[in-house]
C-alpha atoms as a PDB file:
ATOM      1  CA  UNK A   1    -118.394  75.941 113.053  1.00  0.00           C
ATOM      2  CA  UNK A   2    -115.777  76.433 110.189  1.00  0.00           C
ATOM      3  CA  UNK A   3    -114.864  73.793 107.759  1.00  0.00           C
ATOM      4  CA  UNK A   4    -111.486  73.247 109.355  1.00  0.00           C
ATOM      5  CA  UNK A   5    -113.068  72.736 112.785  1.00  0.00           C
ATOM      6  CA  UNK A   6    -115.669  70.216 111.205  1.00  0.00           C
ATOM      7  CA  UNK A   7    -112.677  68.393 109.783  1.00  0.00           C
ATOM      8  CA  UNK A   8    -111.104  68.340 113.032  1.00  0.00           C
ATOM      9  CA  UNK A   9    -114.160  66.990 114.715  1.00  0.00           C
ATOM     10  CA  UNK A  10    -114.511  64.319 112.039  1.00  0.00           C
ATOM     11  CA  UNK A  11    -110.813  63.472 112.408  1.00  0.00           C
ATOM     12  CA  UNK A  12    -111.062  63.222 116.206  1.00  0.00           C
ATOM     13  CA  UNK A  13    -114.082  60.952 115.995  1.00  0.00           C
ATOM     14  CA  UNK A  14    -112.429  58.652 113.597  1.00  0.00           C
ATOM     15  CA  UNK A  15    -109.177  58.412 115.616  1.00  0.00           C
ATOM     16  CA  UNK A  16    -111.305  57.531 118.761  1.00  0.00           C
ATOM     17  CA  UNK A  17    -113.049  54.893 116.719  1.00  0.00           C
ATOM     18  CA  UNK A  18    -109.768  53.396 115.752  1.00  0.00           C
ATOM     19  CA  UNK A  19    -108.865  53.108 119.415  1.00  0.00           C
ATOM     20  CA  UNK A  20    -105.935  55.562 119.093  1.00  0.00           C
ATOM     21  CA  UNK A  21    -104.889  58.234 121.479  1.00  0.00           C
ATOM     22  CA  UNK A  22    -103.667  61.599 119.790  1.00  0.00           C
ATOM     23  CA  UNK A  23    -103.476  65.025 121.211  1.00  0.00           C
ATOM     24  CA  UNK A  24    -105.411  67.957 119.996  1.00  0.00           C
ATOM     25  CA  UNK A  25    -102.232  69.262 118.398  1.00  0.00           C
ATOM     26  CA  UNK A  26    -101.617  66.114 116.463  1.00  0.00           C
ATOM     27  CA  UNK A  27    -105.293  66.229 115.367  1.00  0.00           C
ATOM     28  CA  UNK A  28    -104.785  69.728 114.014  1.00  0.00           C
ATOM     29  CA  UNK A  29    -101.513  68.717 112.281  1.00  0.00           C
ATOM     30  CA  UNK A  30    -103.246  65.930 110.455  1.00  0.00           C
ATOM     31  CA  UNK A  31    -105.861  68.367 109.205  1.00  0.00           C
ATOM     32  CA  UNK A  32    -103.353  70.942 108.348  1.00  0.00           C
ATOM     33  CA  UNK A  33    -101.349  68.395 106.374  1.00  0.00           C
ATOM     34  CA  UNK A  34    -104.644  67.273 104.542  1.00  0.00           C
ATOM     35  CA  UNK A  35    -105.661  70.662 103.623  1.00  0.00           C
ATOM     36  CA  UNK A  36    -102.272  71.604 102.491  1.00  0.00           C
ATOM     37  CA  UNK A  37    -102.231  68.531 100.241  1.00  0.00           C
ATOM     38  CA  UNK A  38    -105.733  69.201  98.805  1.00  0.00           C
ATOM     39  CA  UNK A  39    -104.615  72.675  97.942  1.00  0.00           C
ATOM     40  CA  UNK A  40    -101.560  71.375  96.194  1.00  0.00           C
ATOM     41  CA  UNK A  41    -103.750  68.965  94.426  1.00  0.00           C
ATOM     42  CA  UNK A  42    -105.435  71.823  92.481  1.00  0.00           C
ATOM     43  CA  UNK A  43    -102.280  72.373  90.745  1.00  0.00           C
ATOM     44  CA  UNK A  44    -100.485  68.895  90.857  1.00  0.00           C
ATOM     45  CA  UNK A  45    -102.345  65.726  90.707  1.00  0.00           C
ATOM     46  CA  UNK A  46    -101.504  63.720  93.655  1.00  0.00           C
ATOM     47  CA  UNK A  47    -104.830  62.238  94.454  1.00  0.00           C
ATOM     48  CA  UNK A  48    -108.288  61.549  92.857  1.00  0.00           C
ATOM     49  CA  UNK A  49    -110.042  62.445  96.050  1.00  0.00           C
ATOM     50  CA  UNK A  50    -111.003  66.134  96.059  1.00  0.00           C
ATOM     51  CA  UNK A  51    -113.693  66.190  98.857  1.00  0.00           C
ATOM     52  CA  UNK A  52    -111.929  67.004 102.334  1.00  0.00           C
ATOM     53  CA  UNK A  53    -114.481  64.872 104.240  1.00  0.00           C
ATOM     54  CA  UNK A  54    -113.857  61.834 101.923  1.00  0.00           C
ATOM     55  CA  UNK A  55    -110.066  62.712 102.222  1.00  0.00           C
ATOM     56  CA  UNK A  56    -110.202  62.290 105.945  1.00  0.00           C
ATOM     57  CA  UNK A  57    -111.628  58.764 105.764  1.00  0.00           C
ATOM     58  CA  UNK A  58    -109.596  57.639 102.614  1.00  0.00           C
ATOM     59  CA  UNK A  59    -106.287  59.209 103.504  1.00  0.00           C
ATOM     60  CA  UNK A  60    -106.016  60.037 107.185  1.00  0.00           C
ATOM     61  CA  UNK A  61    -107.868  57.383 108.900  1.00  0.00           C
ATOM     62  CA  UNK A  62    -106.953  54.730 106.540  1.00  0.00           C
ATOM     63  CA  UNK A  63    -103.148  55.579 107.041  1.00  0.00           C
ATOM     64  CA  UNK A  64    -103.723  55.561 110.911  1.00  0.00           C
ATOM     65  CA  UNK A  65    -104.839  51.800 110.745  1.00  0.00           C
ATOM     66  CA  UNK A  66    -101.056  51.092 110.567  1.00  0.00           C
ATOM     67  CA  UNK A  67    -100.842  52.336 114.175  1.00  0.00           C
ATOM     68  CA  UNK A  68    -103.637  50.189 115.270  1.00  0.00           C
ATOM     69  CA  UNK A  69    -101.994  47.231 113.569  1.00  0.00           C
ATOM     70  CA  UNK A  70     -98.600  47.911 115.113  1.00  0.00           C
ATOM     71  CA  UNK A  71    -100.172  48.059 118.537  1.00  0.00           C
ATOM     72  CA  UNK A  72    -102.260  44.926 117.963  1.00  0.00           C
ATOM     73  CA  UNK A  73     -98.818  43.139 117.491  1.00  0.00           C
ATOM     74  CA  UNK A  74     -98.074  43.925 121.104  1.00  0.00           C
ATOM     75  CA  UNK A  75     -95.638  46.759 120.456  1.00  0.00           C
ATOM     76  CA  UNK A  76     -95.672  49.364 123.194  1.00  0.00           C
ATOM     77  CA  UNK A  77     -93.241  51.573 121.448  1.00  0.00           C
ATOM     78  CA  UNK A  78     -93.451  53.062 117.869  1.00  0.00           C
ATOM     79  CA  UNK A  79     -90.878  51.986 115.285  1.00  0.00           C
ATOM     80  CA  UNK A  80     -87.668  53.833 115.417  1.00  0.00           C
ATOM     81  CA  UNK A  81     -87.460  54.080 111.548  1.00  0.00           C
ATOM     82  CA  UNK A  82     -90.222  53.921 108.834  1.00  0.00           C
ATOM     83  CA  UNK A  83     -89.903  53.750 104.954  1.00  0.00           C
ATOM     84  CA  UNK A  84     -93.065  54.549 102.938  1.00  0.00           C
ATOM     85  CA  UNK A  85     -92.799  53.062  99.455  1.00  0.00           C
ATOM     86  CA  UNK A  86     -94.706  54.878  96.766  1.00  0.00           C
ATOM     87  CA  UNK A  87     -95.983  57.474  99.100  1.00  0.00           C
ATOM     88  CA  UNK A  88     -98.152  59.472  96.464  1.00  0.00           C
ATOM     89  CA  UNK A  89     -99.474  62.463  98.409  1.00  0.00           C
ATOM     90  CA  UNK A  90     -97.845  61.383 101.632  1.00  0.00           C
ATOM     91  CA  UNK A  91    -100.072  58.510 102.855  1.00  0.00           C
ATOM     92  CA  UNK A  92     -99.343  56.793 105.157  1.00  0.00           C
ATOM     93  CA  UNK A  93     -96.069  58.573 105.727  1.00  0.00           C
ATOM     94  CA  UNK A  94     -97.339  61.876 106.998  1.00  0.00           C
ATOM     95  CA  UNK A  95    -100.052  60.634 109.348  1.00  0.00           C
ATOM     96  CA  UNK A  96     -97.553  58.174 110.680  1.00  0.00           C
ATOM     97  CA  UNK A  97     -94.944  60.885 111.411  1.00  0.00           C
ATOM     98  CA  UNK A  98     -97.630  62.987 113.072  1.00  0.00           C
ATOM     99  CA  UNK A  99     -98.790  59.945 115.189  1.00  0.00           C
ATOM    100  CA  UNK A 100     -95.267  58.890 115.990  1.00  0.00           C
ATOM    101  CA  UNK A 101     -93.246  62.104 116.308  1.00  0.00           C
ATOM    102  CA  UNK A 102     -90.037  60.420 117.617  1.00  0.00           C
ATOM    103  CA  UNK A 103     -89.886  57.970 114.594  1.00  0.00           C
ATOM    104  CA  UNK A 104     -87.812  58.951 111.586  1.00  0.00           C
ATOM    105  CA  UNK A 105     -89.979  58.578 108.603  1.00  0.00           C
ATOM    106  CA  UNK A 106     -88.870  58.506 104.903  1.00  0.00           C
ATOM    107  CA  UNK A 107     -91.196  58.848 102.065  1.00  0.00           C
ATOM    108  CA  UNK A 108     -90.107  57.840  98.622  1.00  0.00           C
ATOM    109  CA  UNK A 109     -91.776  58.124  95.175  1.00  0.00           C
ATOM    110  CA  UNK A 110     -90.702  57.809  91.733  1.00  0.00           C
ATOM    111  CA  UNK A 111     -92.366  61.119  90.646  1.00  0.00           C
ATOM    112  CA  UNK A 112     -90.535  64.230  91.639  1.00  0.00           C
ATOM    113  CA  UNK A 113     -93.568  66.413  91.735  1.00  0.00           C
ATOM    114  CA  UNK A 114     -95.276  64.240  94.409  1.00  0.00           C
ATOM    115  CA  UNK A 115     -92.348  64.361  96.605  1.00  0.00           C
ATOM    116  CA  UNK A 116     -92.308  68.052  96.323  1.00  0.00           C
ATOM    117  CA  UNK A 117     -95.795  68.212  97.376  1.00  0.00           C
ATOM    118  CA  UNK A 118     -95.122  65.969 100.421  1.00  0.00           C
ATOM    119  CA  UNK A 119     -92.021  68.187 101.547  1.00  0.00           C
ATOM    120  CA  UNK A 120     -94.096  71.456 101.188  1.00  0.00           C
ATOM    121  CA  UNK A 121     -97.084  69.967 103.023  1.00  0.00           C
ATOM    122  CA  UNK A 122     -95.012  68.549 105.794  1.00  0.00           C
ATOM    123  CA  UNK A 123     -93.484  72.101 106.239  1.00  0.00           C
ATOM    124  CA  UNK A 124     -97.024  73.678 106.328  1.00  0.00           C
ATOM    125  CA  UNK A 125     -98.128  71.299 108.968  1.00  0.00           C
ATOM    126  CA  UNK A 126     -94.928  71.501 111.094  1.00  0.00           C
ATOM    127  CA  UNK A 127     -93.940  67.911 110.648  1.00  0.00           C
ATOM    128  CA  UNK A 128     -90.209  67.751 111.572  1.00  0.00           C
ATOM    129  CA  UNK A 129     -89.520  64.066 111.328  1.00  0.00           C
ATOM    130  CA  UNK A 130     -90.431  63.313 107.742  1.00  0.00           C
ATOM    131  CA  UNK A 131     -88.117  63.289 104.835  1.00  0.00           C
ATOM    132  CA  UNK A 132     -89.258  62.897 101.162  1.00  0.00           C
ATOM    133  CA  UNK A 133     -86.866  61.306  98.640  1.00  0.00           C
ATOM    134  CA  UNK A 134     -87.464  61.099  94.765  1.00  0.00           C
ATOM    135  CA  UNK A 135     -86.388  57.627  93.857  1.00  0.00           C
ATOM    136  CA  UNK A 136     -87.715  54.288  93.131  1.00  0.00           C
ATOM    137  CA  UNK A 137     -87.681  51.361  95.734  1.00  0.00           C
ATOM    138  CA  UNK A 138     -85.379  49.350  93.734  1.00  0.00           C
ATOM    139  CA  UNK A 139     -82.749  52.145  93.588  1.00  0.00           C
ATOM    140  CA  UNK A 140     -83.173  53.610  97.120  1.00  0.00           C
ATOM    141  CA  UNK A 141     -80.187  53.281  99.548  1.00  0.00           C
ATOM    142  CA  UNK A 142     -80.948  54.106 103.252  1.00  0.00           C
ATOM    143  CA  UNK A 143     -78.864  57.082 104.599  1.00  0.00           C
ATOM    144  CA  UNK A 144     -76.420  56.791 107.393  1.00  0.00           C
ATOM    145  CA  UNK A 145     -79.010  58.244 109.738  1.00  0.00           C
ATOM    146  CA  UNK A 146     -81.039  55.082 109.344  1.00  0.00           C
ATOM    147  CA  UNK A 147     -78.219  52.560 109.417  1.00  0.00           C
ATOM    148  CA  UNK A 148     -76.956  49.982 106.948  1.00  0.00           C
ATOM    149  CA  UNK A 149     -79.396  47.222 108.276  1.00  0.00           C
ATOM    150  CA  UNK A 150     -82.371  49.031 107.058  1.00  0.00           C
ATOM    151  CA  UNK A 151     -85.785  50.251 108.456  1.00  0.00           C
ATOM    152  CA  UNK A 152     -87.856  48.848 111.453  1.00  0.00           C
ATOM    153  CA  UNK A 153     -90.966  49.279 109.342  1.00  0.00           C
ATOM    154  CA  UNK A 154     -91.484  49.474 105.806  1.00  0.00           C
ATOM    155  CA  UNK A 155     -95.094  50.481 104.453  1.00  0.00           C
ATOM    156  CA  UNK A 156     -96.812  50.199 100.970  1.00  0.00           C
ATOM    157  CA  UNK A 157    -100.195  51.391 100.387  1.00  0.00           C
ATOM    158  CA  UNK A 158    -102.157  49.751  97.538  1.00  0.00           C
ATOM    159  CA  UNK A 159     -99.035  50.211  95.285  1.00  0.00           C
ATOM    160  CA  UNK A 160     -98.678  46.698  93.791  1.00  0.00           C
ATOM    161  CA  UNK A 161     -98.734  42.783  94.110  1.00  0.00           C
ATOM    162  CA  UNK A 162     -97.682  41.699  97.467  1.00  0.00           C
ATOM    163  CA  UNK A 163     -94.959  39.104  96.473  1.00  0.00           C
ATOM    164  CA  UNK A 164     -93.343  41.575  94.279  1.00  0.00           C
ATOM    165  CA  UNK A 165     -93.538  44.269  96.845  1.00  0.00           C
ATOM    166  CA  UNK A 166     -91.895  41.878  99.282  1.00  0.00           C
ATOM    167  CA  UNK A 167     -88.934  41.262  96.819  1.00  0.00           C
ATOM    168  CA  UNK A 168     -88.525  44.944  96.382  1.00  0.00           C
ATOM    169  CA  UNK A 169     -88.370  45.980 100.078  1.00  0.00           C
ATOM    170  CA  UNK A 170     -86.648  42.939 101.431  1.00  0.00           C
ATOM    171  CA  UNK A 171     -83.243  44.447 101.477  1.00  0.00           C
ATOM    172  CA  UNK A 172     -84.553  47.674 103.003  1.00  0.00           C
ATOM    173  CA  UNK A 173     -85.829  45.883 106.229  1.00  0.00           C
ATOM    174  CA  UNK A 174     -83.661  45.412 109.073  1.00  0.00           C
ATOM    175  CA  UNK A 175     -83.438  41.936 110.791  1.00  0.00           C
ATOM    176  CA  UNK A 176     -86.506  41.631 113.000  1.00  0.00           C
ATOM    177  CA  UNK A 177     -88.123  44.506 111.137  1.00  0.00           C
ATOM    178  CA  UNK A 178     -91.720  44.573 109.656  1.00  0.00           C
ATOM    179  CA  UNK A 179     -93.328  45.113 106.252  1.00  0.00           C
ATOM    180  CA  UNK A 180     -96.845  46.413 106.336  1.00  0.00           C
ATOM    181  CA  UNK A 181     -98.728  46.048 103.063  1.00  0.00           C
ATOM    182  CA  UNK A 182    -102.055  48.116 103.099  1.00  0.00           C
ATOM    183  CA  UNK A 183    -104.713  46.412 100.868  1.00  0.00           C
ATOM    184  CA  UNK A 184    -108.361  46.865 100.022  1.00  0.00           C
ATOM    185  CA  UNK A 185    -111.148  44.677 101.589  1.00  0.00           C
ATOM    186  CA  UNK A 186    -109.836  41.378 100.410  1.00  0.00           C
ATOM    187  CA  UNK A 187    -106.539  40.305  98.765  1.00  0.00           C
ATOM    188  CA  UNK A 188    -107.039  37.164  96.498  1.00  0.00           C
ATOM    189  CA  UNK A 189    -106.031  33.799  97.612  1.00  0.00           C
ATOM    190  CA  UNK A 190    -103.566  33.753  94.809  1.00  0.00           C
ATOM    191  CA  UNK A 191    -101.911  36.824  96.014  1.00  0.00           C
ATOM    192  CA  UNK A 192    -101.735  35.510  99.566  1.00  0.00           C
ATOM    193  CA  UNK A 193    -100.083  32.283  98.372  1.00  0.00           C
ATOM    194  CA  UNK A 194     -97.471  34.012  96.343  1.00  0.00           C
ATOM    195  CA  UNK A 195     -96.466  36.203  99.387  1.00  0.00           C
ATOM    196  CA  UNK A 196     -96.348  33.070 101.550  1.00  0.00           C
ATOM    197  CA  UNK A 197     -94.085  31.460  99.149  1.00  0.00           C
ATOM    198  CA  UNK A 198     -91.786  34.325  99.254  1.00  0.00           C
ATOM    199  CA  UNK A 199     -91.839  34.131 102.973  1.00  0.00           C
ATOM    200  CA  UNK A 200     -90.754  30.627 102.986  1.00  0.00           C
ATOM    201  CA  UNK A 201     -87.923  31.249 100.609  1.00  0.00           C
ATOM    202  CA  UNK A 202     -86.598  34.034 102.598  1.00  0.00           C
ATOM    203  CA  UNK A 203     -87.508  32.610 106.000  1.00  0.00           C
ATOM    204  CA  UNK A 204     -89.874  35.664 106.848  1.00  0.00           C
ATOM    205  CA  UNK A 205     -92.902  35.207 109.083  1.00  0.00           C
ATOM    206  CA  UNK A 206     -96.238  36.117 107.714  1.00  0.00           C
ATOM    207  CA  UNK A 207     -98.733  37.293 110.310  1.00  0.00           C
ATOM    208  CA  UNK A 208    -102.423  36.393 110.024  1.00  0.00           C
ATOM    209  CA  UNK A 209    -104.426  38.849 107.743  1.00  0.00           C
ATOM    210  CA  UNK A 210    -105.421  41.887 109.763  1.00  0.00           C
ATOM    211  CA  UNK A 211    -108.793  43.319 108.969  1.00  0.00           C
ATOM    212  CA  UNK A 212    -109.997  46.618 110.446  1.00  0.00           C
ATOM    213  CA  UNK A 213    -112.983  48.807 109.792  1.00  0.00           C
ATOM    214  CA  UNK A 214    -112.298  52.536 109.187  1.00  0.00           C
ATOM    215  CA  UNK A 215    -115.097  54.789 110.201  1.00  0.00           C
ATOM    216  CA  UNK A 216    -117.240  55.444 107.021  1.00  0.00           C
ATOM    217  CA  UNK A 217    -115.472  52.918 104.860  1.00  0.00           C
ATOM    218  CA  UNK A 218    -115.443  49.182 104.089  1.00  0.00           C
ATOM    219  CA  UNK A 219    -113.042  46.984 106.024  1.00  0.00           C
ATOM    220  CA  UNK A 220    -109.320  47.260 105.258  1.00  0.00           C
ATOM    221  CA  UNK A 221    -106.861  44.629 105.187  1.00  0.00           C
ATOM    222  CA  UNK A 222    -103.243  44.816 106.202  1.00  0.00           C
ATOM    223  CA  UNK A 223    -100.705  42.063 105.478  1.00  0.00           C
ATOM    224  CA  UNK A 224     -97.820  42.019 107.944  1.00  0.00           C
ATOM    225  CA  UNK A 225     -94.527  40.185 107.630  1.00  0.00           C
ATOM    226  CA  UNK A 226     -91.546  40.029 109.844  1.00  0.00           C
ATOM    227  CA  UNK A 227     -87.997  39.476 108.564  1.00  0.00           C
END
């Protein structure tokens, strides 16, 4: 069995463990993107993770917990539009674009080289619904193809303090849209209280803390907020 085939098997097992249903073609796309990113990473530093099997767990499967979380809210359809803030190497943006091929996904990052990596890797993996933009969240303006009201879902993966992130992305979320903040095992009570205060101020709804176990990793935590 080749290294690629082993990664495909590992990804397939992890996807099944997360309770998700992806096609063989989607699994191959996930692995193709990951391998392209790891190759780029030998020249441009986008991740500290060098081992491919570790990257499956820490990047692909961790990103796909957003899909599990979204379905847990009772959604039967994927979000129409998604913004990934501080995408880095394209996570969770690229896995979400693969899992939800009809969604329009925009990945933004303040480092131009990282966006270049995301765009090249998306092309290598045949991802058609992912756009990379070099900008900061505070400066970003959604294009006309997204609409003036903003995105249905905004994600941020371990890129900052929750209340600060909510302030930054609030204007980018459409009415009744969602913010998904991906955290480590346990956000601090102080961080949760600060986020709750922002929600009260802006009349947003904070979902109960969502915890999920990623195969081979500790429990992951998602903080969900509805505008």
